[in-house]
Amino acid sequence: MAHAARIVTWNGKDLPAEMRELPAGRYVVESVDLEAPSLSAEEDAGIEAALESYRQGRIVDAKRAREIIDATLGR
């Protein structure tokens, strides 16, 4: 059985609908911090550039993306 993470918002007493949809079994529940860390100006610009490249149709498949990442990381 594949393990899929789900994010639910809980009011502290009522069972959320997302939990009712799960099959019977054992689950680990932990609180998550929903505040994402701030991006640096360079990181933000990189994401914007990637999105613009995508919008213009300049995309690569997952295999090629992995090759680029591995090369960048020296793997």
C-alpha atoms as a PDB file:
ATOM      1  CA  MET A   1       0.000   0.000   0.000  1.00  0.00           C
ATOM      2  CA  ALA A   2       1.455   3.363  -0.998  1.00  0.00           C
ATOM      3  CA  HIS A   3       1.792   5.961   1.714  1.00  0.00           C
ATOM      4  CA  ALA A   4       0.383   9.308   0.690  1.00  0.00           C
ATOM      5  CA  ALA A   5       0.698  12.359   2.886  1.00  0.00           C
ATOM      6  CA  ARG A   6      -2.377  14.449   3.466  1.00  0.00           C
ATOM      7  CA  ILE A   7      -2.558  17.859   5.042  1.00  0.00           C
ATOM      8  CA  VAL A   8      -5.676  18.415   7.080  1.00  0.00           C
ATOM      9  CA  THR A   9      -6.890  21.337   9.126  1.00  0.00           C
ATOM     10  CA  TRP A  10      -8.307  20.243  12.451  1.00  0.00           C
ATOM     11  CA  ASN A  11     -10.348  22.306  14.878  1.00  0.00           C
ATOM     12  CA  GLY A  12      -9.252  20.133  17.797  1.00  0.00           C
ATOM     13  CA  LYS A  13     -12.468  18.192  18.288  1.00  0.00           C
ATOM     14  CA  ASP A  14     -14.299  17.173  15.092  1.00  0.00           C
ATOM     15  CA  LEU A  15     -12.849  14.517  12.772  1.00  0.00           C
ATOM     16  CA  PRO A  16     -11.880  16.160   9.442  1.00  0.00           C
ATOM     17  CA  ALA A  17     -13.415  14.754   6.245  1.00  0.00           C
ATOM     18  CA  GLU A  18      -9.933  13.894   4.947  1.00  0.00           C
ATOM     19  CA  MET A  19      -9.469  11.533   7.896  1.00  0.00           C
ATOM     20  CA  ARG A  20     -12.879   9.875   7.440  1.00  0.00           C
ATOM     21  CA  GLU A  21     -11.887   8.971   3.860  1.00  0.00           C
ATOM     22  CA  LEU A  22      -8.886   6.912   5.015  1.00  0.00           C
ATOM     23  CA  PRO A  23      -9.160   3.139   5.370  1.00  0.00           C
ATOM     24  CA  ALA A  24      -8.959   1.617   8.834  1.00  0.00           C
ATOM     25  CA  GLY A  25      -5.407   1.214  10.047  1.00  0.00           C
ATOM     26  CA  ARG A  26      -2.619   2.798  12.051  1.00  0.00           C
ATOM     27  CA  TYR A  27      -1.562   6.344  11.239  1.00  0.00           C
ATOM     28  CA  VAL A  28       1.045   8.805  12.411  1.00  0.00           C
ATOM     29  CA  VAL A  29      -0.304  12.302  12.908  1.00  0.00           C
ATOM     30  CA  GLU A  30       1.955  15.241  13.562  1.00  0.00           C
ATOM     31  CA  SER A  31       1.590  18.977  13.492  1.00  0.00           C
ATOM     32  CA  VAL A  32       3.262  20.826  10.635  1.00  0.00           C
ATOM     33  CA  ASP A  33       4.375  24.420  10.465  1.00  0.00           C
ATOM     34  CA  LEU A  34       2.521  25.944   7.537  1.00  0.00           C
ATOM     35  CA  GLU A  35       4.770  28.997   7.427  1.00  0.00           C
ATOM     36  CA  ALA A  36       7.119  28.474   4.521  1.00  0.00           C
ATOM     37  CA  PRO A  37      10.587  29.932   4.887  1.00  0.00           C
ATOM     38  CA  SER A  38      11.211  33.122   2.949  1.00  0.00           C
ATOM     39  CA  LEU A  39      13.129  32.805  -0.283  1.00  0.00           C
ATOM     40  CA  SER A  40      16.189  34.878  -1.030  1.00  0.00           C
ATOM     41  CA  ALA A  41      15.914  37.337  -3.910  1.00  0.00           C
ATOM     42  CA  GLU A  42      18.090  34.964  -5.974  1.00  0.00           C
ATOM     43  CA  GLU A  43      15.861  31.947  -5.210  1.00  0.00           C
ATOM     44  CA  ASP A  44      12.719  33.915  -6.003  1.00  0.00           C
ATOM     45  CA  ALA A  45      14.201  35.124  -9.301  1.00  0.00           C
ATOM     46  CA  GLY A  46      15.183  31.553 -10.190  1.00  0.00           C
ATOM     47  CA  ILE A  47      11.660  30.288  -9.640  1.00  0.00           C
ATOM     48  CA  GLU A  48      10.207  33.147 -11.682  1.00  0.00           C
ATOM     49  CA  ALA A  49      12.666  32.399 -14.506  1.00  0.00           C
ATOM     50  CA  ALA A  50      11.762  28.702 -14.425  1.00  0.00           C
ATOM     51  CA  LEU A  51       8.033  29.488 -14.544  1.00  0.00           C
ATOM     52  CA  GLU A  52       8.501  31.862 -17.464  1.00  0.00           C
ATOM     53  CA  SER A  53      10.560  29.231 -19.299  1.00  0.00           C
ATOM     54  CA  TYR A  54       7.749  26.714 -18.702  1.00  0.00           C
ATOM     55  CA  ARG A  55       5.114  29.164 -19.953  1.00  0.00           C
ATOM     56  CA  GLN A  56       7.117  29.587 -23.146  1.00  0.00           C
ATOM     57  CA  GLY A  57       7.170  25.827 -23.685  1.00  0.00           C
ATOM     58  CA  ARG A  58      10.851  25.335 -22.904  1.00  0.00           C
ATOM     59  CA  ILE A  59      10.586  22.150 -20.875  1.00  0.00           C
ATOM     60  CA  VAL A  60      12.574  18.939 -20.381  1.00  0.00           C
ATOM     61  CA  ASP A  61      11.394  15.493 -19.341  1.00  0.00           C
ATOM     62  CA  ALA A  62      12.097  14.072 -15.877  1.00  0.00           C
ATOM     63  CA  LYS A  63      15.072  11.979 -17.048  1.00  0.00           C
ATOM     64  CA  ARG A  64      16.811  15.013 -18.567  1.00  0.00           C
ATOM     65  CA  ALA A  65      16.000  17.131 -15.517  1.00  0.00           C
ATOM     66  CA  ARG A  66      17.637  14.497 -13.276  1.00  0.00           C
ATOM     67  CA  GLU A  67      20.734  14.505 -15.517  1.00  0.00           C
ATOM     68  CA  ILE A  68      20.970  18.304 -15.248  1.00  0.00           C
ATOM     69  CA  ILE A  69      20.548  18.242 -11.466  1.00  0.00           C
ATOM     70  CA  ASP A  70      23.077  15.440 -11.015  1.00  0.00           C
ATOM     71  CA  ALA A  71      25.615  17.260 -13.209  1.00  0.00           C
ATOM     72  CA  THR A  72      25.091  20.474 -11.252  1.00  0.00           C
ATOM     73  CA  LEU A  73      25.591  18.645  -7.949  1.00  0.00           C
ATOM     74  CA  GLY A  74      28.629  16.793  -9.294  1.00  0.00           C
ATOM     75  CA  ARG A  75      27.125  13.326  -9.006  1.00  0.00           C
END
